[in-house]
């Protein structure tokens, strides 16, 4: 309880360094957890079986990839966040001019969306330098570095300016920013959010009880679709058939919090 209060106080006093520290600590925790489970060995065996990393199925099939990333095998076999695949197929059919990816990590969505929507530009934000470096490398590896701009910090003023610049286009915001979505995506502070579509990973365990009120702020301007987690069947993916049954289950496990949800918000108004 005290620890949570201190975290919230730090974010209020110094949001930028506090969020960067929180993301770094979470990444370090994930790496240690994966090492304890033996996931690095599963990754190595995958490279031995399939060679240089490439996404083998799913919405970003064919995308060349990096050897270092969280949830690496799920991304490569196409099971990663499979709950969102139906939404992504809808996203691909829309004529967005700009994609704003807040919390881009190594670039799975930033680069994947740039490949699937060659008519749009992508602005990819992440506070962690290593993630920005990886995203830049991934964009270069897939030949889309000219349309993917890598940025550090996104705040209300920056986001408002980006959306204001889209006079004749429509934007998609993809946000996975460790709970900062509640501070950043504020319709009262960013009026142009009313015309953008948003795909948001909700971090409800970081701010219990805020999600419903947060989504309620969009009720007048957006149609809201909530998506919950679904179980994974590791035997659906032939690419990991060489693994033992236990290792297959580990390979597709994204180790998410119970009750994890995403929200897809479609703007009711045209641009």
C-alpha atoms as a PDB file:
ATOM      1  CA  UNK A   1       0.000   0.000   0.000  1.00  0.00           C
ATOM      2  CA  UNK A   2       2.728   2.474   1.007  1.00  0.00           C
ATOM      3  CA  UNK A   3       4.804   1.423  -1.999  1.00  0.00           C
ATOM      4  CA  UNK A   4       1.892   2.109  -4.367  1.00  0.00           C
ATOM      5  CA  UNK A   5       1.294   5.520  -2.796  1.00  0.00           C
ATOM      6  CA  UNK A   6       4.963   6.428  -3.181  1.00  0.00           C
ATOM      7  CA  UNK A   7       4.838   5.397  -6.853  1.00  0.00           C
ATOM      8  CA  UNK A   8       1.812   7.602  -7.491  1.00  0.00           C
ATOM      9  CA  UNK A   9       3.400  10.511  -5.616  1.00  0.00           C
ATOM     10  CA  UNK A  10       6.587  10.185  -7.684  1.00  0.00           C
ATOM     11  CA  UNK A  11       4.572  10.242 -10.910  1.00  0.00           C
ATOM     12  CA  UNK A  12       2.749  13.394  -9.766  1.00  0.00           C
ATOM     13  CA  UNK A  13       5.951  15.207  -8.736  1.00  0.00           C
ATOM     14  CA  UNK A  14       8.252  14.096 -11.565  1.00  0.00           C
ATOM     15  CA  UNK A  15       6.245  12.124 -14.143  1.00  0.00           C
ATOM     16  CA  UNK A  16       8.946  11.747 -16.791  1.00  0.00           C
ATOM     17  CA  UNK A  17      11.750  10.199 -14.672  1.00  0.00           C
ATOM     18  CA  UNK A  18       9.235   8.276 -12.542  1.00  0.00           C
ATOM     19  CA  UNK A  19       7.684   6.613 -15.585  1.00  0.00           C
ATOM     20  CA  UNK A  20      11.109   5.863 -17.087  1.00  0.00           C
ATOM     21  CA  UNK A  21      12.241   4.204 -13.844  1.00  0.00           C
ATOM     22  CA  UNK A  22       8.996   2.229 -13.595  1.00  0.00           C
ATOM     23  CA  UNK A  23       9.318   0.936 -17.165  1.00  0.00           C
ATOM     24  CA  UNK A  24      12.996   0.059 -16.654  1.00  0.00           C
ATOM     25  CA  UNK A  25      12.272  -1.862 -13.441  1.00  0.00           C
ATOM     26  CA  UNK A  26       9.397  -3.739 -15.073  1.00  0.00           C
ATOM     27  CA  UNK A  27      11.596  -4.692 -18.051  1.00  0.00           C
ATOM     28  CA  UNK A  28      14.341  -5.918 -15.708  1.00  0.00           C
ATOM     29  CA  UNK A  29      11.792  -7.928 -13.721  1.00  0.00           C
ATOM     30  CA  UNK A  30      10.454  -9.499 -16.930  1.00  0.00           C
ATOM     31  CA  UNK A  31      13.958 -10.471 -18.070  1.00  0.00           C
ATOM     32  CA  UNK A  32      14.758 -12.122 -14.728  1.00  0.00           C
ATOM     33  CA  UNK A  33      11.406 -13.914 -14.726  1.00  0.00           C
ATOM     34  CA  UNK A  34      11.988 -15.218 -18.264  1.00  0.00           C
ATOM     35  CA  UNK A  35      15.467 -16.421 -17.338  1.00  0.00           C
ATOM     36  CA  UNK A  36      14.109 -18.339 -14.334  1.00  0.00           C
ATOM     37  CA  UNK A  37      11.549 -20.074 -16.558  1.00  0.00           C
ATOM     38  CA  UNK A  38      14.102 -20.929 -19.238  1.00  0.00           C
ATOM     39  CA  UNK A  39      12.571 -18.763 -21.955  1.00  0.00           C
ATOM     40  CA  UNK A  40      15.958 -17.597 -23.320  1.00  0.00           C
ATOM     41  CA  UNK A  41      16.755 -21.256 -24.083  1.00  0.00           C
ATOM     42  CA  UNK A  42      13.409 -21.624 -25.882  1.00  0.00           C
ATOM     43  CA  UNK A  43      14.289 -18.515 -27.908  1.00  0.00           C
ATOM     44  CA  UNK A  44      17.690 -19.947 -28.816  1.00  0.00           C
ATOM     45  CA  UNK A  45      16.152 -23.237 -29.911  1.00  0.00           C
ATOM     46  CA  UNK A  46      13.662 -21.307 -32.050  1.00  0.00           C
ATOM     47  CA  UNK A  47      16.488 -19.529 -33.872  1.00  0.00           C
ATOM     48  CA  UNK A  48      18.225 -22.862 -34.424  1.00  0.00           C
ATOM     49  CA  UNK A  49      15.024 -24.269 -35.930  1.00  0.00           C
ATOM     50  CA  UNK A  50      14.007 -21.244 -38.027  1.00  0.00           C
ATOM     51  CA  UNK A  51      17.119 -19.142 -38.599  1.00  0.00           C
ATOM     52  CA  UNK A  52      16.981 -15.354 -38.634  1.00  0.00           C
ATOM     53  CA  UNK A  53      13.892 -14.057 -36.807  1.00  0.00           C
ATOM     54  CA  UNK A  54      10.853 -13.367 -38.960  1.00  0.00           C
ATOM     55  CA  UNK A  55       7.156 -13.210 -38.045  1.00  0.00           C
ATOM     56  CA  UNK A  56       5.754 -16.466 -39.428  1.00  0.00           C
ATOM     57  CA  UNK A  57       2.009 -15.809 -39.168  1.00  0.00           C
ATOM     58  CA  UNK A  58      -0.561 -13.386 -37.783  1.00  0.00           C
ATOM     59  CA  UNK A  59      -1.291  -9.775 -38.725  1.00  0.00           C
ATOM     60  CA  UNK A  60       2.365  -8.864 -39.327  1.00  0.00           C
ATOM     61  CA  UNK A  61       3.404 -12.033 -41.159  1.00  0.00           C
ATOM     62  CA  UNK A  62       6.671 -11.592 -43.011  1.00  0.00           C
ATOM     63  CA  UNK A  63       8.056  -8.806 -40.825  1.00  0.00           C
ATOM     64  CA  UNK A  64      11.765  -9.267 -40.158  1.00  0.00           C
ATOM     65  CA  UNK A  65      12.508  -9.152 -36.461  1.00  0.00           C
ATOM     66  CA  UNK A  66      15.125  -8.703 -33.761  1.00  0.00           C
ATOM     67  CA  UNK A  67      16.587 -11.368 -31.496  1.00  0.00           C
ATOM     68  CA  UNK A  68      15.868  -9.427 -28.299  1.00  0.00           C
ATOM     69  CA  UNK A  69      12.321  -8.596 -27.253  1.00  0.00           C
ATOM     70  CA  UNK A  70       9.776  -9.413 -24.568  1.00  0.00           C
ATOM     71  CA  UNK A  71       7.286 -12.129 -25.597  1.00  0.00           C
ATOM     72  CA  UNK A  72       9.585 -12.909 -28.509  1.00  0.00           C
ATOM     73  CA  UNK A  73       8.289 -16.332 -29.594  1.00  0.00           C
ATOM     74  CA  UNK A  74       4.598 -15.258 -29.442  1.00  0.00           C
ATOM     75  CA  UNK A  75       5.461 -12.372 -31.772  1.00  0.00           C
ATOM     76  CA  UNK A  76       7.370 -14.610 -34.172  1.00  0.00           C
ATOM     77  CA  UNK A  77       4.730 -17.352 -34.382  1.00  0.00           C
ATOM     78  CA  UNK A  78       1.848 -14.854 -34.611  1.00  0.00           C
ATOM     79  CA  UNK A  79       0.074 -15.605 -31.337  1.00  0.00           C
ATOM     80  CA  UNK A  80       1.010 -12.328 -29.623  1.00  0.00           C
ATOM     81  CA  UNK A  81      -2.054 -10.410 -28.396  1.00  0.00           C
ATOM     82  CA  UNK A  82      -4.219 -12.566 -30.638  1.00  0.00           C
ATOM     83  CA  UNK A  83      -7.243 -10.985 -28.929  1.00  0.00           C
ATOM     84  CA  UNK A  84      -6.535  -7.912 -31.070  1.00  0.00           C
ATOM     85  CA  UNK A  85      -6.195  -9.612 -34.442  1.00  0.00           C
ATOM     86  CA  UNK A  86      -9.805  -8.936 -35.458  1.00  0.00           C
ATOM     87  CA  UNK A  87      -9.425  -5.268 -34.529  1.00  0.00           C
ATOM     88  CA  UNK A  88      -6.161  -5.058 -36.461  1.00  0.00           C
ATOM     89  CA  UNK A  89      -7.822  -6.387 -39.618  1.00  0.00           C
ATOM     90  CA  UNK A  90     -10.324  -3.526 -39.282  1.00  0.00           C
ATOM     91  CA  UNK A  91      -7.507  -1.046 -38.661  1.00  0.00           C
ATOM     92  CA  UNK A  92      -5.682  -2.138 -41.819  1.00  0.00           C
ATOM     93  CA  UNK A  93      -8.728  -1.317 -43.941  1.00  0.00           C
ATOM     94  CA  UNK A  94      -8.987   2.260 -42.649  1.00  0.00           C
ATOM     95  CA  UNK A  95      -7.184   5.061 -44.461  1.00  0.00           C
ATOM     96  CA  UNK A  96      -5.266   6.515 -41.549  1.00  0.00           C
ATOM     97  CA  UNK A  97      -2.715   9.131 -42.464  1.00  0.00           C
ATOM     98  CA  UNK A  98      -0.889   8.963 -39.130  1.00  0.00           C
ATOM     99  CA  UNK A  99      -0.305   6.260 -36.537  1.00  0.00           C
ATOM    100  CA  UNK A 100       0.861   7.414 -33.098  1.00  0.00           C
ATOM    101  CA  UNK A 101       2.334   4.540 -31.092  1.00  0.00           C
ATOM    102  CA  UNK A 102       2.849   5.543 -27.452  1.00  0.00           C
ATOM    103  CA  UNK A 103       5.030   3.003 -25.661  1.00  0.00           C
ATOM    104  CA  UNK A 104       6.427   1.443 -28.827  1.00  0.00           C
ATOM    105  CA  UNK A 105       8.992  -0.880 -27.125  1.00  0.00           C
ATOM    106  CA  UNK A 106      11.092  -2.522 -29.854  1.00  0.00           C
ATOM    107  CA  UNK A 107       8.570  -1.591 -32.552  1.00  0.00           C
ATOM    108  CA  UNK A 108       6.252  -4.572 -33.043  1.00  0.00           C
ATOM    109  CA  UNK A 109       3.232  -2.358 -33.711  1.00  0.00           C
ATOM    110  CA  UNK A 110       5.032   0.734 -35.013  1.00  0.00           C
ATOM    111  CA  UNK A 111       6.892  -1.158 -37.736  1.00  0.00           C
ATOM    112  CA  UNK A 112       4.154  -3.747 -38.303  1.00  0.00           C
ATOM    113  CA  UNK A 113       1.555  -1.047 -38.946  1.00  0.00           C
ATOM    114  CA  UNK A 114       3.954   0.853 -41.208  1.00  0.00           C
ATOM    115  CA  UNK A 115       4.345  -2.306 -43.292  1.00  0.00           C
ATOM    116  CA  UNK A 116       0.622  -3.011 -43.456  1.00  0.00           C
ATOM    117  CA  UNK A 117      -0.377   0.601 -44.177  1.00  0.00           C
ATOM    118  CA  UNK A 118       2.209   1.981 -46.623  1.00  0.00           C
ATOM    119  CA  UNK A 119       0.195   5.178 -47.124  1.00  0.00           C
ATOM    120  CA  UNK A 120       0.645   6.397 -43.526  1.00  0.00           C
ATOM    121  CA  UNK A 121       3.412   7.832 -41.366  1.00  0.00           C
ATOM    122  CA  UNK A 122       4.160   6.434 -37.909  1.00  0.00           C
ATOM    123  CA  UNK A 123       5.295   8.367 -34.840  1.00  0.00           C
ATOM    124  CA  UNK A 124       6.729   5.969 -32.258  1.00  0.00           C
ATOM    125  CA  UNK A 125       7.262   7.176 -28.672  1.00  0.00           C
ATOM    126  CA  UNK A 126       9.130   5.469 -25.834  1.00  0.00           C
ATOM    127  CA  UNK A 127      10.892   6.825 -22.756  1.00  0.00           C
ATOM    128  CA  UNK A 128      13.460   4.007 -22.734  1.00  0.00           C
ATOM    129  CA  UNK A 129      16.533   4.666 -24.883  1.00  0.00           C
ATOM    130  CA  UNK A 130      17.145   0.973 -25.573  1.00  0.00           C
ATOM    131  CA  UNK A 131      13.588   0.624 -26.925  1.00  0.00           C
ATOM    132  CA  UNK A 132      14.005   3.625 -29.207  1.00  0.00           C
ATOM    133  CA  UNK A 133      17.268   2.186 -30.513  1.00  0.00           C
ATOM    134  CA  UNK A 134      15.624  -1.203 -31.150  1.00  0.00           C
ATOM    135  CA  UNK A 135      12.604   0.364 -32.866  1.00  0.00           C
ATOM    136  CA  UNK A 136      14.889   2.347 -35.146  1.00  0.00           C
ATOM    137  CA  UNK A 137      16.843  -0.816 -36.005  1.00  0.00           C
ATOM    138  CA  UNK A 138      13.625  -2.759 -36.690  1.00  0.00           C
ATOM    139  CA  UNK A 139      12.297  -0.019 -38.977  1.00  0.00           C
ATOM    140  CA  UNK A 140      15.585   0.016 -40.880  1.00  0.00           C
ATOM    141  CA  UNK A 141      15.604  -3.781 -41.154  1.00  0.00           C
ATOM    142  CA  UNK A 142      12.155  -3.689 -42.765  1.00  0.00           C
ATOM    143  CA  UNK A 143      12.808  -0.730 -45.042  1.00  0.00           C
ATOM    144  CA  UNK A 144      10.317   1.667 -43.442  1.00  0.00           C
ATOM    145  CA  UNK A 145      12.721   3.959 -41.592  1.00  0.00           C
ATOM    146  CA  UNK A 146      11.634   6.844 -43.830  1.00  0.00           C
ATOM    147  CA  UNK A 147       8.059   6.660 -42.483  1.00  0.00           C
ATOM    148  CA  UNK A 148       8.719   5.767 -38.843  1.00  0.00           C
ATOM    149  CA  UNK A 149       9.853   8.658 -36.654  1.00  0.00           C
ATOM    150  CA  UNK A 150      11.269   7.665 -33.256  1.00  0.00           C
ATOM    151  CA  UNK A 151      10.521  10.067 -30.407  1.00  0.00           C
ATOM    152  CA  UNK A 152      11.117  10.076 -26.651  1.00  0.00           C
ATOM    153  CA  UNK A 153       8.296  11.759 -24.757  1.00  0.00           C
ATOM    154  CA  UNK A 154       4.647  12.294 -25.624  1.00  0.00           C
ATOM    155  CA  UNK A 155       2.601  14.713 -23.537  1.00  0.00           C
ATOM    156  CA  UNK A 156      -0.778  16.395 -23.991  1.00  0.00           C
ATOM    157  CA  UNK A 157       0.704  19.412 -25.782  1.00  0.00           C
ATOM    158  CA  UNK A 158       2.748  17.272 -28.188  1.00  0.00           C
ATOM    159  CA  UNK A 159      -0.163  14.964 -28.955  1.00  0.00           C
ATOM    160  CA  UNK A 160      -2.543  17.884 -29.449  1.00  0.00           C
ATOM    161  CA  UNK A 161      -0.121  19.492 -31.917  1.00  0.00           C
ATOM    162  CA  UNK A 162       0.239  16.260 -33.900  1.00  0.00           C
ATOM    163  CA  UNK A 163      -3.516  15.768 -34.166  1.00  0.00           C
ATOM    164  CA  UNK A 164      -4.055  19.447 -35.063  1.00  0.00           C
ATOM    165  CA  UNK A 165      -1.647  19.059 -37.968  1.00  0.00           C
ATOM    166  CA  UNK A 166      -3.869  16.381 -39.522  1.00  0.00           C
ATOM    167  CA  UNK A 167      -6.188  18.759 -41.339  1.00  0.00           C
ATOM    168  CA  UNK A 168      -7.514  16.307 -43.916  1.00  0.00           C
ATOM    169  CA  UNK A 169      -6.591  12.932 -42.431  1.00  0.00           C
ATOM    170  CA  UNK A 170      -7.429  10.594 -39.624  1.00  0.00           C
ATOM    171  CA  UNK A 171      -5.134   9.330 -36.905  1.00  0.00           C
ATOM    172  CA  UNK A 172      -4.857   6.055 -35.021  1.00  0.00           C
ATOM    173  CA  UNK A 173      -3.362   6.083 -31.516  1.00  0.00           C
ATOM    174  CA  UNK A 174      -1.941   2.791 -30.235  1.00  0.00           C
ATOM    175  CA  UNK A 175      -1.055   3.130 -26.550  1.00  0.00           C
ATOM    176  CA  UNK A 176       0.723   0.740 -24.199  1.00  0.00           C
ATOM    177  CA  UNK A 177       2.245   3.128 -21.684  1.00  0.00           C
ATOM    178  CA  UNK A 178       2.158   1.393 -18.286  1.00  0.00           C
ATOM    179  CA  UNK A 179      -0.827   3.298 -16.855  1.00  0.00           C
ATOM    180  CA  UNK A 180       0.174   6.709 -18.228  1.00  0.00           C
ATOM    181  CA  UNK A 181      -2.812   6.468 -20.580  1.00  0.00           C
ATOM    182  CA  UNK A 182      -5.003   7.851 -17.775  1.00  0.00           C
ATOM    183  CA  UNK A 183      -2.814  10.977 -17.533  1.00  0.00           C
ATOM    184  CA  UNK A 184      -2.154  11.510 -21.244  1.00  0.00           C
ATOM    185  CA  UNK A 185      -5.305  10.626 -23.176  1.00  0.00           C
ATOM    186  CA  UNK A 186      -7.557  13.306 -21.692  1.00  0.00           C
ATOM    187  CA  UNK A 187     -10.305  14.533 -24.054  1.00  0.00           C
ATOM    188  CA  UNK A 188     -10.702  17.808 -22.168  1.00  0.00           C
ATOM    189  CA  UNK A 189      -7.013  18.620 -22.738  1.00  0.00           C
ATOM    190  CA  UNK A 190      -6.831  17.255 -26.307  1.00  0.00           C
ATOM    191  CA  UNK A 191     -10.061  18.154 -28.173  1.00  0.00           C
ATOM    192  CA  UNK A 192      -8.845  16.518 -31.403  1.00  0.00           C
ATOM    193  CA  UNK A 193      -8.967  13.111 -29.723  1.00  0.00           C
ATOM    194  CA  UNK A 194     -12.633  13.248 -30.710  1.00  0.00           C
ATOM    195  CA  UNK A 195     -11.706  12.493 -34.336  1.00  0.00           C
ATOM    196  CA  UNK A 196      -8.975   9.886 -33.714  1.00  0.00           C
ATOM    197  CA  UNK A 197      -9.376   6.142 -33.223  1.00  0.00           C
ATOM    198  CA  UNK A 198      -7.578   4.656 -30.218  1.00  0.00           C
ATOM    199  CA  UNK A 199      -6.375   1.151 -29.354  1.00  0.00           C
ATOM    200  CA  UNK A 200      -5.349   1.179 -25.697  1.00  0.00           C
ATOM    201  CA  UNK A 201      -3.912  -1.479 -23.406  1.00  0.00           C
ATOM    202  CA  UNK A 202      -5.568  -0.741 -20.065  1.00  0.00           C
ATOM    203  CA  UNK A 203      -3.257  -1.058 -17.049  1.00  0.00           C
ATOM    204  CA  UNK A 204      -5.984  -1.450 -14.472  1.00  0.00           C
ATOM    205  CA  UNK A 205      -3.723  -2.955 -11.795  1.00  0.00           C
ATOM    206  CA  UNK A 206      -1.630   0.243 -11.695  1.00  0.00           C
ATOM    207  CA  UNK A 207      -4.664   2.469 -11.106  1.00  0.00           C
ATOM    208  CA  UNK A 208      -7.527   0.305  -9.790  1.00  0.00           C
ATOM    209  CA  UNK A 209     -10.972   1.694 -10.471  1.00  0.00           C
ATOM    210  CA  UNK A 210      -9.938   4.339 -13.018  1.00  0.00           C
ATOM    211  CA  UNK A 211     -10.620   2.490 -16.263  1.00  0.00           C
ATOM    212  CA  UNK A 212     -14.415   2.796 -16.342  1.00  0.00           C
ATOM    213  CA  UNK A 213     -14.353   6.520 -15.590  1.00  0.00           C
ATOM    214  CA  UNK A 214     -11.553   7.021 -18.102  1.00  0.00           C
ATOM    215  CA  UNK A 215     -13.503   5.276 -20.867  1.00  0.00           C
ATOM    216  CA  UNK A 216     -16.643   7.140 -19.861  1.00  0.00           C
ATOM    217  CA  UNK A 217     -14.946  10.394 -20.916  1.00  0.00           C
ATOM    218  CA  UNK A 218     -15.068   9.095 -24.508  1.00  0.00           C
ATOM    219  CA  UNK A 219     -18.711   7.941 -24.462  1.00  0.00           C
ATOM    220  CA  UNK A 220     -20.032  10.960 -26.350  1.00  0.00           C
ATOM    221  CA  UNK A 221     -17.392  10.900 -29.087  1.00  0.00           C
ATOM    222  CA  UNK A 222     -16.448   7.243 -29.557  1.00  0.00           C
ATOM    223  CA  UNK A 223     -17.892   3.753 -29.815  1.00  0.00           C
ATOM    224  CA  UNK A 224     -16.039   1.692 -27.219  1.00  0.00           C
ATOM    225  CA  UNK A 225     -15.198  -1.998 -27.660  1.00  0.00           C
ATOM    226  CA  UNK A 226     -13.649  -3.783 -24.681  1.00  0.00           C
ATOM    227  CA  UNK A 227     -11.489  -6.852 -25.336  1.00  0.00           C
ATOM    228  CA  UNK A 228     -10.483  -9.347 -22.652  1.00  0.00           C
ATOM    229  CA  UNK A 229      -7.750 -11.979 -22.594  1.00  0.00           C
ATOM    230  CA  UNK A 230      -8.297 -15.367 -24.203  1.00  0.00           C
ATOM    231  CA  UNK A 231      -6.511 -18.666 -23.562  1.00  0.00           C
ATOM    232  CA  UNK A 232      -3.772 -19.779 -25.946  1.00  0.00           C
ATOM    233  CA  UNK A 233      -3.680 -23.200 -27.582  1.00  0.00           C
ATOM    234  CA  UNK A 234       0.039 -23.861 -28.207  1.00  0.00           C
ATOM    235  CA  UNK A 235      -0.803 -26.815 -30.461  1.00  0.00           C
ATOM    236  CA  UNK A 236      -2.256 -24.451 -33.076  1.00  0.00           C
ATOM    237  CA  UNK A 237       1.235 -23.255 -33.990  1.00  0.00           C
ATOM    238  CA  UNK A 238       3.236 -25.683 -36.103  1.00  0.00           C
ATOM    239  CA  UNK A 239       6.363 -23.544 -35.782  1.00  0.00           C
ATOM    240  CA  UNK A 240       6.876 -24.755 -32.200  1.00  0.00           C
ATOM    241  CA  UNK A 241       5.878 -28.396 -32.770  1.00  0.00           C
ATOM    242  CA  UNK A 242       9.476 -29.475 -32.055  1.00  0.00           C
ATOM    243  CA  UNK A 243       9.224 -28.296 -28.417  1.00  0.00           C
ATOM    244  CA  UNK A 244       8.053 -30.413 -25.516  1.00  0.00           C
ATOM    245  CA  UNK A 245       4.468 -29.905 -24.359  1.00  0.00           C
ATOM    246  CA  UNK A 246       5.585 -27.910 -21.334  1.00  0.00           C
ATOM    247  CA  UNK A 247       7.869 -25.709 -23.428  1.00  0.00           C
ATOM    248  CA  UNK A 248       5.083 -25.057 -25.944  1.00  0.00           C
ATOM    249  CA  UNK A 249       2.848 -23.743 -23.180  1.00  0.00           C
ATOM    250  CA  UNK A 250       5.659 -21.528 -21.924  1.00  0.00           C
ATOM    251  CA  UNK A 251       6.432 -20.317 -25.436  1.00  0.00           C
ATOM    252  CA  UNK A 252       2.933 -18.879 -26.030  1.00  0.00           C
ATOM    253  CA  UNK A 253       2.384 -17.572 -22.493  1.00  0.00           C
ATOM    254  CA  UNK A 254       2.478 -13.765 -22.331  1.00  0.00           C
ATOM    255  CA  UNK A 255       2.224 -13.794 -18.509  1.00  0.00           C
ATOM    256  CA  UNK A 256      -0.453 -11.122 -18.322  1.00  0.00           C
ATOM    257  CA  UNK A 257      -2.308  -9.905 -15.266  1.00  0.00           C
ATOM    258  CA  UNK A 258      -5.624 -11.609 -14.571  1.00  0.00           C
ATOM    259  CA  UNK A 259      -8.426  -9.627 -16.160  1.00  0.00           C
ATOM    260  CA  UNK A 260      -6.200  -7.820 -18.662  1.00  0.00           C
ATOM    261  CA  UNK A 261      -8.311  -5.717 -21.036  1.00  0.00           C
ATOM    262  CA  UNK A 262      -7.827  -3.576 -24.101  1.00  0.00           C
ATOM    263  CA  UNK A 263     -10.162  -0.894 -25.441  1.00  0.00           C
ATOM    264  CA  UNK A 264     -10.741   0.027 -29.076  1.00  0.00           C
ATOM    265  CA  UNK A 265     -12.346   3.437 -29.427  1.00  0.00           C
ATOM    266  CA  UNK A 266     -13.774   4.352 -32.847  1.00  0.00           C
ATOM    267  CA  UNK A 267     -14.495   8.025 -33.403  1.00  0.00           C
ATOM    268  CA  UNK A 268     -18.138   8.748 -34.210  1.00  0.00           C
ATOM    269  CA  UNK A 269     -17.377  12.035 -35.956  1.00  0.00           C
ATOM    270  CA  UNK A 270     -15.654  12.291 -39.315  1.00  0.00           C
ATOM    271  CA  UNK A 271     -12.599  14.501 -39.704  1.00  0.00           C
END
